Protein backbone atom coordinates (compact mmCIF):
# COMPACT_ATOMS: atom_id res chain seq x y z
CA MET A 1 0.00 0.00 0.00
CA THR A 2 2.85 2.37 0.81
CA ILE A 3 4.48 1.70 -2.54
CA LEU A 4 1.20 2.43 -4.34
CA THR A 5 0.80 5.67 -2.42
CA GLY A 6 4.34 6.72 -3.31
CA LEU A 7 3.77 5.92 -6.98
CA CYS A 8 0.56 7.95 -6.97
CA ALA A 9 2.38 10.89 -5.38
CA ILE A 10 5.11 10.75 -8.03
CA ALA A 11 2.55 10.37 -10.82
CA SER A 12 0.64 13.41 -9.55
CA ILE A 13 3.65 15.60 -10.37
CA PHE A 14 3.22 14.72 -14.04
CA VAL A 15 -0.59 14.47 -14.15
CA ILE A 16 -1.72 17.57 -12.24
CA PRO A 17 -1.25 20.67 -14.37
CA ASP A 18 0.69 23.64 -13.01
CA LYS A 19 -2.20 26.00 -13.64
CA LEU A 20 -5.37 24.57 -12.19
CA ASN A 21 -7.65 27.34 -13.44
CA THR A 22 -7.88 29.20 -16.72
CA LYS A 23 -7.65 32.61 -15.07
CA GLY A 24 -4.13 31.95 -13.80
CA LYS A 25 -4.87 33.17 -10.26
CA GLY A 26 -2.66 30.69 -8.47
CA THR A 27 -0.31 27.78 -8.62
CA PHE A 28 -0.32 24.38 -6.98
CA ASP A 29 1.20 24.30 -3.50
CA TYR A 30 3.53 21.30 -3.75
CA ILE A 31 5.15 21.87 -0.37
CA GLY A 32 1.79 22.20 1.37
CA ALA A 33 0.55 19.06 -0.34
CA ALA A 34 3.64 17.09 0.67
CA LEU A 35 3.42 18.27 4.29
CA GLY A 36 -0.30 17.63 4.60
CA VAL A 37 -0.30 14.21 2.96
CA SER A 38 2.79 13.09 4.87
CA ALA A 39 1.26 14.16 8.18
CA LEU A 40 -2.00 12.34 7.45
CA ILE A 41 -0.24 9.17 6.31
CA LEU A 42 1.99 9.04 9.40
CA ILE A 43 -0.84 9.69 11.84
CA TYR A 44 -3.14 7.22 10.08
CA SER A 45 -0.42 4.54 9.95
CA SER A 46 0.40 4.91 13.63
CA ILE A 47 -3.23 4.73 14.74
CA ASN A 48 -4.05 1.72 12.56
CA GLY A 49 -0.72 -0.06 13.00
CA GLY A 50 -0.34 0.49 16.73
CA PRO A 51 -2.48 -2.48 17.74
CA TYR A 52 -0.77 -4.65 15.13
CA TRP A 53 2.87 -4.08 16.12
CA SER A 54 2.14 -3.02 19.74
CA TRP A 55 1.87 0.46 21.15
CA ASN A 56 5.02 -0.13 23.23
CA THR A 57 7.37 -0.12 20.23
CA PRO A 58 9.42 3.04 19.71
CA TYR A 59 8.37 3.56 16.10
CA SER A 60 4.69 3.52 17.03
CA GLY A 61 5.16 6.69 19.07
CA MET A 62 7.61 8.19 16.61
CA LEU A 63 5.14 7.84 13.73
CA ILE A 64 2.43 9.77 15.52
CA GLU A 65 4.87 12.36 16.90
CA THR A 66 6.40 12.97 13.48
CA GLY A 67 2.91 13.19 11.97
CA ILE A 68 1.88 15.80 14.53
CA VAL A 69 5.05 17.82 13.87
CA LEU A 70 4.39 17.67 10.11
CA ALA A 71 0.76 18.71 10.70
CA GLY A 72 2.03 21.73 12.60
CA ALA A 73 4.48 22.52 9.81
CA PHE A 74 1.59 22.22 7.33
CA ILE A 75 -0.49 24.74 9.30
CA LEU A 76 2.43 27.17 9.53
CA TRP A 77 3.17 26.79 5.81
CA GLU A 78 -0.46 27.33 4.83
CA ALA A 79 -0.64 30.44 7.02
CA HIS A 80 2.28 32.07 5.20
CA THR A 81 2.08 30.86 1.61
CA GLU A 82 0.54 33.00 -1.11
CA HIS A 83 -1.72 30.27 -2.57
CA PRO A 84 -2.60 27.77 0.18
CA ILE A 85 -4.35 24.46 -0.46
CA LEU A 86 -6.35 24.90 2.74
CA PRO A 87 -6.89 28.60 3.50
CA LEU A 88 -6.94 28.99 7.26
CA SER A 89 -9.46 31.81 6.88
CA MET A 90 -12.07 29.08 6.34
CA PHE A 91 -11.95 28.35 10.07
CA THR A 92 -12.64 31.90 11.23
CA LYS A 93 -15.83 33.90 10.97
């Protein structure tokens, strides 16, 4: 499954066009996408794999900790980039 996910991520570089709209208002946020997807994959893997390989193993905790750090980096990146994937203004009134 991990190999398939990696292949899809690599293929997306060639499949997704640089300009997603015809007006040319923005570009695709590759760094934000990499941070967000990596964070979600690590957190998801640690939650689903923890019972399988035991919660007491060091990499079980490291996966979720690294995922949380990457999620924080994603939020910081999205707050400061010109064309975010997930505008943080959506969460404020």
